[in-house]
Amino acid sequence: RLAPHSAADGPIGSIRFYEYESGDVLEVRGGVVR
């Protein structure tokens, strides 16, 4: 619901399972979080 109100497309953060060293990039593209 926040994604359509993003100021710009692009990376907005990340999410990872606590046991993993790295996770997945969160980004907004066309008003959708990927």
Full PDB file with SEQRES, HELIX, SHEET, SSBOND, CRYST1, ORIGX, SCALE, CONECT and MASTER records, all heavy atoms in Angstrom:
SEQRES   1 A   34  ARG LEU ALA PRO HIS SER ALA ALA ASP GLY PRO ILE GLY          
SEQRES   2 A   34  SER ILE ARG PHE TYR GLU TYR GLU SER GLY ASP VAL LEU          
SEQRES   3 A   34  GLU VAL ARG GLY GLY VAL VAL ARG                              
HELIX    1 AA1 ALA A    3  HIS A    5  5                                   3    
SHEET    1 AA1 3 GLY A  10  ILE A  15  0                                        
SHEET    2 AA1 3 ASP A  24  ARG A  29 -1                                        
SHEET    3 AA1 3 VAL A  32  VAL A  33 -1                                        
CRYST1    1.000    1.000    1.000  90.00  90.00  90.00 P 1           1          
ORIGX1      1.000000  0.000000  0.000000        0.00000                         
ORIGX2      0.000000  1.000000  0.000000        0.00000                         
ORIGX3      0.000000  0.000000  1.000000        0.00000                         
SCALE1      1.000000  0.000000  0.000000        0.00000                         
SCALE2      0.000000  1.000000  0.000000        0.00000                         
SCALE3      0.000000  0.000000  1.000000        0.00000                         
ATOM      1  N   ARG A   1       0.823  -1.213   0.000  1.00  0.00           N  
ATOM      2  CA  ARG A   1       0.000   0.000   0.000  1.00  0.00           C  
ATOM      3  C   ARG A   1       0.855   1.259   0.000  1.00  0.00           C  
ATOM      4  O   ARG A   1       0.430   2.307  -0.492  1.00  0.00           O  
ATOM      5  CB  ARG A   1      -0.968  -0.019   1.177  1.00  0.00           C  
ATOM      6  CG  ARG A   1      -2.075  -1.065   0.915  1.00  0.00           C  
ATOM      7  CD  ARG A   1      -3.148  -1.124   1.967  1.00  0.00           C  
ATOM      8  NE  ARG A   1      -2.620  -1.637   3.220  1.00  0.00           N  
ATOM      9  CZ  ARG A   1      -2.587  -0.951   4.368  1.00  0.00           C  
ATOM     10  NH1 ARG A   1      -3.062   0.258   4.431  1.00  0.00           N  
ATOM     11  NH2 ARG A   1      -2.088  -1.496   5.458  1.00  0.00           N  
ATOM     12  N   LEU A   2       2.088   1.176   0.524  1.00  0.00           N  
ATOM     13  CA  LEU A   2       3.000   2.319   0.496  1.00  0.00           C  
ATOM     14  C   LEU A   2       3.677   2.482  -0.866  1.00  0.00           C  
ATOM     15  O   LEU A   2       4.003   3.602  -1.270  1.00  0.00           O  
ATOM     16  CB  LEU A   2       4.072   2.167   1.583  1.00  0.00           C  
ATOM     17  CG  LEU A   2       3.606   2.307   3.026  1.00  0.00           C  
ATOM     18  CD1 LEU A   2       4.718   1.895   3.985  1.00  0.00           C  
ATOM     19  CD2 LEU A   2       3.151   3.729   3.310  1.00  0.00           C  
ATOM     20  N   ALA A   3       3.896   1.376  -1.577  1.00  0.00           N  
ATOM     21  CA  ALA A   3       4.682   1.389  -2.814  1.00  0.00           C  
ATOM     22  C   ALA A   3       4.223   2.411  -3.853  1.00  0.00           C  
ATOM     23  O   ALA A   3       5.064   3.091  -4.453  1.00  0.00           O  
ATOM     24  CB  ALA A   3       4.723  -0.011  -3.423  1.00  0.00           C  
ATOM     25  N   PRO A   4       2.917   2.570  -4.108  1.00  0.00           N  
ATOM     26  CA  PRO A   4       2.523   3.568  -5.111  1.00  0.00           C  
ATOM     27  C   PRO A   4       2.891   5.001  -4.719  1.00  0.00           C  
ATOM     28  O   PRO A   4       2.849   5.900  -5.554  1.00  0.00           O  
ATOM     29  CB  PRO A   4       0.997   3.406  -5.187  1.00  0.00           C  
ATOM     30  CG  PRO A   4       0.717   2.049  -4.663  1.00  0.00           C  
ATOM     31  CD  PRO A   4       1.782   1.791  -3.640  1.00  0.00           C  
ATOM     32  N   HIS A   5       3.265   5.196  -3.466  1.00  0.00           N  
ATOM     33  CA  HIS A   5       3.597   6.534  -2.980  1.00  0.00           C  
ATOM     34  C   HIS A   5       5.102   6.734  -2.822  1.00  0.00           C  
ATOM     35  O   HIS A   5       5.542   7.710  -2.218  1.00  0.00           O  
ATOM     36  CB  HIS A   5       2.869   6.793  -1.659  1.00  0.00           C  
ATOM     37  CG  HIS A   5       1.398   6.543  -1.776  1.00  0.00           C  
ATOM     38  ND1 HIS A   5       0.562   7.405  -2.452  1.00  0.00           N  
ATOM     39  CD2 HIS A   5       0.637   5.509  -1.372  1.00  0.00           C  
ATOM     40  CE1 HIS A   5      -0.668   6.910  -2.434  1.00  0.00           C  
ATOM     41  NE2 HIS A   5      -0.652   5.760  -1.791  1.00  0.00           N  
ATOM     42  N   SER A   6       5.879   5.798  -3.377  1.00  0.00           N  
ATOM     43  CA  SER A   6       7.331   5.926  -3.358  1.00  0.00           C  
ATOM     44  C   SER A   6       7.734   7.135  -4.191  1.00  0.00           C  
ATOM     45  O   SER A   6       7.156   7.391  -5.251  1.00  0.00           O  
ATOM     46  CB  SER A   6       7.960   4.651  -3.927  1.00  0.00           C  
ATOM     47  OG  SER A   6       9.343   4.652  -3.722  1.00  0.00           O  
ATOM     48  N   ALA A   7       8.723   7.880  -3.724  1.00  0.00           N  
ATOM     49  CA  ALA A   7       9.170   9.065  -4.454  1.00  0.00           C  
ATOM     50  C   ALA A   7       9.834   8.691  -5.782  1.00  0.00           C  
ATOM     51  O   ALA A   7       9.816   9.477  -6.722  1.00  0.00           O  
ATOM     52  CB  ALA A   7      10.126   9.883  -3.596  1.00  0.00           C  
ATOM     53  N   ALA A   8      10.410   7.481  -5.847  1.00  0.00           N  
ATOM     54  CA  ALA A   8      11.075   7.038  -7.074  1.00  0.00           C  
ATOM     55  C   ALA A   8      11.173   5.517  -7.078  1.00  0.00           C  
ATOM     56  O   ALA A   8      11.118   4.884  -6.024  1.00  0.00           O  
ATOM     57  CB  ALA A   8      12.475   7.641  -7.164  1.00  0.00           C  
ATOM     58  N   ASP A   9      11.321   4.953  -8.267  1.00  0.00           N  
ATOM     59  CA  ASP A   9      11.598   3.528  -8.380  1.00  0.00           C  
ATOM     60  C   ASP A   9      13.032   3.262  -7.941  1.00  0.00           C  
ATOM     61  O   ASP A   9      13.905   4.123  -8.076  1.00  0.00           O  
ATOM     62  CB  ASP A   9      11.423   3.061  -9.826  1.00  0.00           C  
ATOM     63  CG  ASP A   9       9.967   2.833 -10.201  1.00  0.00           C  
ATOM     64  OD1 ASP A   9       9.079   3.000  -9.340  1.00  0.00           O  
ATOM     65  OD2 ASP A   9       9.722   2.484 -11.363  1.00  0.00           O  
ATOM     66  N   GLY A  10      13.255   2.049  -7.435  1.00  0.00           N  
ATOM     67  CA  GLY A  10      14.607   1.645  -7.060  1.00  0.00           C  
ATOM     68  C   GLY A  10      14.616   0.916  -5.733  1.00  0.00           C  
ATOM     69  O   GLY A  10      13.560   0.648  -5.136  1.00  0.00           O  
ATOM     70  N   PRO A  11      15.814   0.583  -5.256  1.00  0.00           N  
ATOM     71  CA  PRO A  11      15.944  -0.148  -3.999  1.00  0.00           C  
ATOM     72  C   PRO A  11      15.405   0.660  -2.821  1.00  0.00           C  
ATOM     73  O   PRO A  11      15.593   1.879  -2.747  1.00  0.00           O  
ATOM     74  CB  PRO A  11      17.446  -0.358  -3.844  1.00  0.00           C  
ATOM     75  CG  PRO A  11      18.034  -0.098  -5.185  1.00  0.00           C  
ATOM     76  CD  PRO A  11      17.111   0.841  -5.885  1.00  0.00           C  
ATOM     77  N   ILE A  12      14.730  -0.049  -1.915  1.00  0.00           N  
ATOM     78  CA  ILE A  12      14.214   0.592  -0.696  1.00  0.00           C  
ATOM     79  C   ILE A  12      14.709  -0.106   0.563  1.00  0.00           C  
ATOM     80  O   ILE A  12      14.468   0.368   1.672  1.00  0.00           O  
ATOM     81  CB  ILE A  12      12.672   0.635  -0.677  1.00  0.00           C  
ATOM     82  CG1 ILE A  12      12.093  -0.783  -0.737  1.00  0.00           C  
ATOM     83  CG2 ILE A  12      12.153   1.521  -1.796  1.00  0.00           C  
ATOM     84  CD1 ILE A  12      10.612  -0.855  -0.379  1.00  0.00           C  
ATOM     85  N   GLY A  13      15.396  -1.243   0.416  1.00  0.00           N  
ATOM     86  CA  GLY A  13      15.893  -1.948   1.583  1.00  0.00           C  
ATOM     87  C   GLY A  13      16.175  -3.400   1.294  1.00  0.00           C  
ATOM     88  O   GLY A  13      16.439  -3.786   0.148  1.00  0.00           O  
ATOM     89  N   SER A  14      16.082  -4.221   2.354  1.00  0.00           N  
ATOM     90  CA  SER A  14      16.346  -5.654   2.209  1.00  0.00           C  
ATOM     91  C   SER A  14      15.625  -6.418   3.305  1.00  0.00           C  
ATOM     92  O   SER A  14      15.201  -5.853   4.309  1.00  0.00           O  
ATOM     93  CB  SER A  14      17.850  -5.931   2.291  1.00  0.00           C  
ATOM     94  OG  SER A  14      18.341  -5.588   3.583  1.00  0.00           O  
ATOM     95  N   ILE A  15      15.519  -7.735   3.070  1.00  0.00           N  
ATOM     96  CA  ILE A  15      14.964  -8.638   4.068  1.00  0.00           C  
ATOM     97  C   ILE A  15      15.757  -9.937   3.994  1.00  0.00           C  
ATOM     98  O   ILE A  15      16.135 -10.383   2.914  1.00  0.00           O  
ATOM     99  CB  ILE A  15      13.448  -8.862   3.871  1.00  0.00           C  
ATOM    100  CG1 ILE A  15      12.859  -9.561   5.098  1.00  0.00           C  
ATOM    101  CG2 ILE A  15      13.150  -9.579   2.567  1.00  0.00           C  
ATOM    102  CD1 ILE A  15      11.347  -9.445   5.211  1.00  0.00           C  
ATOM    103  N   ARG A  16      16.047 -10.510   5.181  1.00  0.00           N  
ATOM    104  CA  ARG A  16      16.794 -11.767   5.209  1.00  0.00           C  
ATOM    105  C   ARG A  16      16.364 -12.599   6.407  1.00  0.00           C  
ATOM    106  O   ARG A  16      15.989 -12.060   7.445  1.00  0.00           O  
ATOM    107  CB  ARG A  16      18.301 -11.521   5.265  1.00  0.00           C  
ATOM    108  CG  ARG A  16      18.788 -10.997   6.608  1.00  0.00           C  
ATOM    109  CD  ARG A  16      20.313 -10.898   6.678  1.00  0.00           C  
ATOM    110  NE  ARG A  16      20.716 -10.342   7.955  1.00  0.00           N  
ATOM    111  CZ  ARG A  16      20.994 -11.059   9.046  1.00  0.00           C  
ATOM    112  NH1 ARG A  16      20.928 -12.370   9.030  1.00  0.00           N  
ATOM    113  NH2 ARG A  16      21.343 -10.460  10.172  1.00  0.00           N  
ATOM    114  N   PHE A  17      16.425 -13.925   6.232  1.00  0.00           N  
ATOM    115  CA  PHE A  17      16.208 -14.837   7.336  1.00  0.00           C  
ATOM    116  C   PHE A  17      17.382 -14.667   8.288  1.00  0.00           C  
ATOM    117  O   PHE A  17      18.530 -14.531   7.855  1.00  0.00           O  
ATOM    118  CB  PHE A  17      16.111 -16.279   6.818  1.00  0.00           C  
ATOM    119  CG  PHE A  17      15.761 -17.270   7.883  1.00  0.00           C  
ATOM    120  CD1 PHE A  17      14.532 -17.231   8.520  1.00  0.00           C  
ATOM    121  CD2 PHE A  17      16.668 -18.248   8.258  1.00  0.00           C  
ATOM    122  CE1 PHE A  17      14.203 -18.146   9.511  1.00  0.00           C  
ATOM    123  CE2 PHE A  17      16.353 -19.170   9.237  1.00  0.00           C  
ATOM    124  CZ  PHE A  17      15.115 -19.117   9.870  1.00  0.00           C  
ATOM    125  N   TYR A  18      17.129 -14.645   9.582  1.00  0.00           N  
ATOM    126  CA  TYR A  18      18.152 -14.270  10.548  1.00  0.00           C  
ATOM    127  C   TYR A  18      19.406 -15.152  10.512  1.00  0.00           C  
ATOM    128  O   TYR A  18      20.491 -14.691  10.862  1.00  0.00           O  
ATOM    129  CB  TYR A  18      17.577 -14.221  11.970  1.00  0.00           C  
ATOM    130  CG  TYR A  18      17.529 -15.556  12.682  1.00  0.00           C  
ATOM    131  CD1 TYR A  18      18.496 -15.899  13.618  1.00  0.00           C  
ATOM    132  CD2 TYR A  18      16.518 -16.480  12.432  1.00  0.00           C  
ATOM    133  CE1 TYR A  18      18.455 -17.116  14.280  1.00  0.00           C  
ATOM    134  CE2 TYR A  18      16.464 -17.682  13.091  1.00  0.00           C  
ATOM    135  CZ  TYR A  18      17.433 -18.002  14.014  1.00  0.00           C  
ATOM    136  OH  TYR A  18      17.385 -19.198  14.665  1.00  0.00           O  
ATOM    137  N   GLU A  19      19.305 -16.392  10.063  1.00  0.00           N  
ATOM    138  CA  GLU A  19      20.470 -17.280  10.028  1.00  0.00           C  
ATOM    139  C   GLU A  19      21.343 -17.074   8.798  1.00  0.00           C  
ATOM    140  O   GLU A  19      22.451 -17.590   8.741  1.00  0.00           O  
ATOM    141  CB  GLU A  19      20.025 -18.742  10.084  1.00  0.00           C  
ATOM    142  CG  GLU A  19      19.451 -19.146  11.422  1.00  0.00           C  
ATOM    143  CD  GLU A  19      19.045 -20.615  11.473  1.00  0.00           C  
ATOM    144  OE1 GLU A  19      18.765 -21.204  10.395  1.00  0.00           O  
ATOM    145  OE2 GLU A  19      18.991 -21.160  12.582  1.00  0.00           O  
ATOM    146  N   TYR A  20      20.860 -16.343   7.797  1.00  0.00           N  
ATOM    147  CA  TYR A  20      21.604 -16.150   6.556  1.00  0.00           C  
ATOM    148  C   TYR A  20      22.435 -14.875   6.635  1.00  0.00           C  
ATOM    149  O   TYR A  20      22.035 -13.889   7.261  1.00  0.00           O  
ATOM    150  CB  TYR A  20      20.667 -16.063   5.355  1.00  0.00           C  
ATOM    151  CG  TYR A  20      19.813 -17.296   5.134  1.00  0.00           C  
ATOM    152  CD1 TYR A  20      18.688 -17.233   4.341  1.00  0.00           C  
ATOM    153  CD2 TYR A  20      20.122 -18.518   5.695  1.00  0.00           C  
ATOM    154  CE1 TYR A  20      17.894 -18.353   4.108  1.00  0.00           C  
ATOM    155  CE2 TYR A  20      19.340 -19.643   5.479  1.00  0.00           C  
ATOM    156  CZ  TYR A  20      18.223 -19.547   4.689  1.00  0.00           C  
ATOM    157  OH  TYR A  20      17.445 -20.646   4.466  1.00  0.00           O  
ATOM    158  N   GLU A  21      23.574 -14.892   5.948  1.00  0.00           N  
ATOM    159  CA  GLU A  21      24.429 -13.709   5.931  1.00  0.00           C  
ATOM    160  C   GLU A  21      23.888 -12.620   5.013  1.00  0.00           C  
ATOM    161  O   GLU A  21      24.143 -11.442   5.231  1.00  0.00           O  
ATOM    162  CB  GLU A  21      25.846 -14.082   5.501  1.00  0.00           C  
ATOM    163  CG  GLU A  21      26.593 -14.849   6.577  1.00  0.00           C  
ATOM    164  CD  GLU A  21      28.033 -15.101   6.198  1.00  0.00           C  
ATOM    165  OE1 GLU A  21      28.592 -14.341   5.373  1.00  0.00           O  
ATOM    166  OE2 GLU A  21      28.609 -16.060   6.728  1.00  0.00           O  
ATOM    167  N   SER A  22      23.186 -13.033   3.966  1.00  0.00           N  
ATOM    168  CA  SER A  22      22.630 -12.040   3.048  1.00  0.00           C  
ATOM    169  C   SER A  22      21.168 -12.383   2.784  1.00  0.00           C  
ATOM    170  O   SER A  22      20.709 -13.476   3.083  1.00  0.00           O  
ATOM    171  CB  SER A  22      23.420 -11.994   1.738  1.00  0.00           C  
ATOM    172  OG  SER A  22      23.330 -13.230   1.074  1.00  0.00           O  
ATOM    173  N   GLY A  23      20.481 -11.421   2.223  1.00  0.00           N  
ATOM    174  CA  GLY A  23      19.060 -11.608   1.975  1.00  0.00           C  
ATOM    175  C   GLY A  23      18.678 -11.126   0.601  1.00  0.00           C  
ATOM    176  O   GLY A  23      19.485 -11.140  -0.329  1.00  0.00           O  
ATOM    177  N   ASP A  24      17.453 -10.661   0.489  1.00  0.00           N  
ATOM    178  CA  ASP A  24      16.914 -10.202  -0.775  1.00  0.00           C  
ATOM    179  C   ASP A  24      16.724  -8.689  -0.756  1.00  0.00           C  
ATOM    180  O   ASP A  24      16.257  -8.125   0.242  1.00  0.00           O  
ATOM    181  CB  ASP A  24      15.560 -10.868  -1.041  1.00  0.00           C  
ATOM    182  CG  ASP A  24      15.693 -12.374  -1.205  1.00  0.00           C  
ATOM    183  OD1 ASP A  24      16.591 -12.798  -1.961  1.00  0.00           O  
ATOM    184  OD2 ASP A  24      14.932 -13.117  -0.573  1.00  0.00           O  
ATOM    185  N   VAL A  25      17.065  -8.077  -1.865  1.00  0.00           N  
ATOM    186  CA  VAL A  25      16.861  -6.638  -2.016  1.00  0.00           C  
ATOM    187  C   VAL A  25      15.370  -6.377  -2.204  1.00  0.00           C  
ATOM    188  O   VAL A  25      14.699  -7.088  -2.955  1.00  0.00           O  
ATOM    189  CB  VAL A  25      17.657  -6.093  -3.219  1.00  0.00           C  
ATOM    190  CG1 VAL A  25      17.298  -4.639  -3.505  1.00  0.00           C  
ATOM    191  CG2 VAL A  25      19.147  -6.248  -2.969  1.00  0.00           C  
ATOM    192  N   LEU A  26      14.873  -5.391  -1.517  1.00  0.00           N  
ATOM    193  CA  LEU A  26      13.504  -4.919  -1.723  1.00  0.00           C  
ATOM    194  C   LEU A  26      13.590  -3.679  -2.600  1.00  0.00           C  
ATOM    195  O   LEU A  26      14.410  -2.791  -2.345  1.00  0.00           O  
ATOM    196  CB  LEU A  26      12.842  -4.572  -0.393  1.00  0.00           C  
ATOM    197  CG  LEU A  26      12.690  -5.716   0.604  1.00  0.00           C  
ATOM    198  CD1 LEU A  26      12.095  -5.189   1.912  1.00  0.00           C  
ATOM    199  CD2 LEU A  26      11.836  -6.827   0.034  1.00  0.00           C  
ATOM    200  N   GLU A  27      12.769  -3.642  -3.623  1.00  0.00           N  
ATOM    201  CA  GLU A  27      12.772  -2.475  -4.497  1.00  0.00           C  
ATOM    202  C   GLU A  27      11.361  -2.177  -4.966  1.00  0.00           C  
ATOM    203  O   GLU A  27      10.493  -3.049  -4.955  1.00  0.00           O  
ATOM    204  CB  GLU A  27      13.695  -2.669  -5.686  1.00  0.00           C  
ATOM    205  CG  GLU A  27      13.294  -3.787  -6.614  1.00  0.00           C  
ATOM    206  CD  GLU A  27      14.238  -3.930  -7.806  1.00  0.00           C  
ATOM    207  OE1 GLU A  27      15.123  -3.083  -8.000  1.00  0.00           O  
ATOM    208  OE2 GLU A  27      14.070  -4.884  -8.559  1.00  0.00           O  
ATOM    209  N   VAL A  28      11.159  -0.933  -5.344  1.00  0.00           N  
ATOM    210  CA  VAL A  28       9.879  -0.517  -5.920  1.00  0.00           C  
ATOM    211  C   VAL A  28      10.087  -0.341  -7.411  1.00  0.00           C  
ATOM    212  O   VAL A  28      11.023   0.333  -7.846  1.00  0.00           O  
ATOM    213  CB  VAL A  28       9.375   0.801  -5.279  1.00  0.00           C  
ATOM    214  CG1 VAL A  28       8.158   1.320  -6.012  1.00  0.00           C  
ATOM    215  CG2 VAL A  28       9.069   0.596  -3.812  1.00  0.00           C  
ATOM    216  N   ARG A  29       9.202  -0.984  -8.180  1.00  0.00           N  
ATOM    217  CA  ARG A  29       9.192  -0.845  -9.637  1.00  0.00           C  
ATOM    218  C   ARG A  29       7.745  -0.666 -10.060  1.00  0.00           C  
ATOM    219  O   ARG A  29       6.907  -1.532  -9.799  1.00  0.00           O  
ATOM    220  CB  ARG A  29       9.765  -2.083 -10.334  1.00  0.00           C  
ATOM    221  CG  ARG A  29      11.231  -2.297 -10.093  1.00  0.00           C  
ATOM    222  CD  ARG A  29      12.068  -1.365 -10.968  1.00  0.00           C  
ATOM    223  NE  ARG A  29      13.460  -1.512 -10.589  1.00  0.00           N  
ATOM    224  CZ  ARG A  29      14.290  -0.498 -10.434  1.00  0.00           C  
ATOM    225  NH1 ARG A  29      13.870   0.731 -10.630  1.00  0.00           N  
ATOM    226  NH2 ARG A  29      15.524  -0.699 -10.087  1.00  0.00           N  
ATOM    227  N   GLY A  30       7.440   0.460 -10.666  1.00  0.00           N  
ATOM    228  CA  GLY A  30       6.087   0.705 -11.162  1.00  0.00           C  
ATOM    229  C   GLY A  30       5.035   0.665 -10.068  1.00  0.00           C  
ATOM    230  O   GLY A  30       3.934   0.185 -10.294  1.00  0.00           O  
ATOM    231  N   GLY A  31       5.375   1.146  -8.881  1.00  0.00           N  
ATOM    232  CA  GLY A  31       4.414   1.185  -7.788  1.00  0.00           C  
ATOM    233  C   GLY A  31       4.193  -0.142  -7.082  1.00  0.00           C  
ATOM    234  O   GLY A  31       3.234  -0.294  -6.329  1.00  0.00           O  
ATOM    235  N   VAL A  32       5.095  -1.112  -7.303  1.00  0.00           N  
ATOM    236  CA  VAL A  32       4.982  -2.438  -6.693  1.00  0.00           C  
ATOM    237  C   VAL A  32       6.295  -2.782  -5.988  1.00  0.00           C  
ATOM    238  O   VAL A  32       7.374  -2.569  -6.541  1.00  0.00           O  
ATOM    239  CB  VAL A  32       4.677  -3.510  -7.771  1.00  0.00           C  
ATOM    240  CG1 VAL A  32       4.653  -4.906  -7.188  1.00  0.00           C  
ATOM    241  CG2 VAL A  32       3.368  -3.191  -8.478  1.00  0.00           C  
ATOM    242  N   VAL A  33       6.194  -3.354  -4.777  1.00  0.00           N  
ATOM    243  CA  VAL A  33       7.388  -3.810  -4.063  1.00  0.00           C  
ATOM    244  C   VAL A  33       7.770  -5.181  -4.592  1.00  0.00           C  
ATOM    245  O   VAL A  33       6.938  -6.088  -4.674  1.00  0.00           O  
ATOM    246  CB  VAL A  33       7.158  -3.881  -2.543  1.00  0.00           C  
ATOM    247  CG1 VAL A  33       8.357  -4.505  -1.842  1.00  0.00           C  
ATOM    248  CG2 VAL A  33       6.879  -2.500  -1.972  1.00  0.00           C  
ATOM    249  N   ARG A  34       9.036  -5.335  -4.929  1.00  0.00           N  
ATOM    250  CA  ARG A  34       9.574  -6.618  -5.390  1.00  0.00           C  
ATOM    251  C   ARG A  34      10.622  -7.073  -4.390  1.00  0.00           C  
ATOM    252  O   ARG A  34      11.311  -6.267  -3.808  1.00  0.00           O  
ATOM    253  CB  ARG A  34      10.183  -6.465  -6.766  1.00  0.00           C  
ATOM    254  CG  ARG A  34       9.238  -5.815  -7.753  1.00  0.00           C  
ATOM    255  CD  ARG A  34       9.404  -6.342  -9.147  1.00  0.00           C  
ATOM    256  NE  ARG A  34       8.593  -5.625 -10.095  1.00  0.00           N  
ATOM    257  CZ  ARG A  34       7.344  -5.941 -10.405  1.00  0.00           C  
ATOM    258  NH1 ARG A  34       6.775  -6.951  -9.826  1.00  0.00           N  
ATOM    259  NH2 ARG A  34       6.670  -5.244 -11.301  1.00  0.00           N  
TER     260      ARG A  34                                                      
MASTER        0    0    0    1    3    0    0    6  259    1    0    3          
END                                                                             
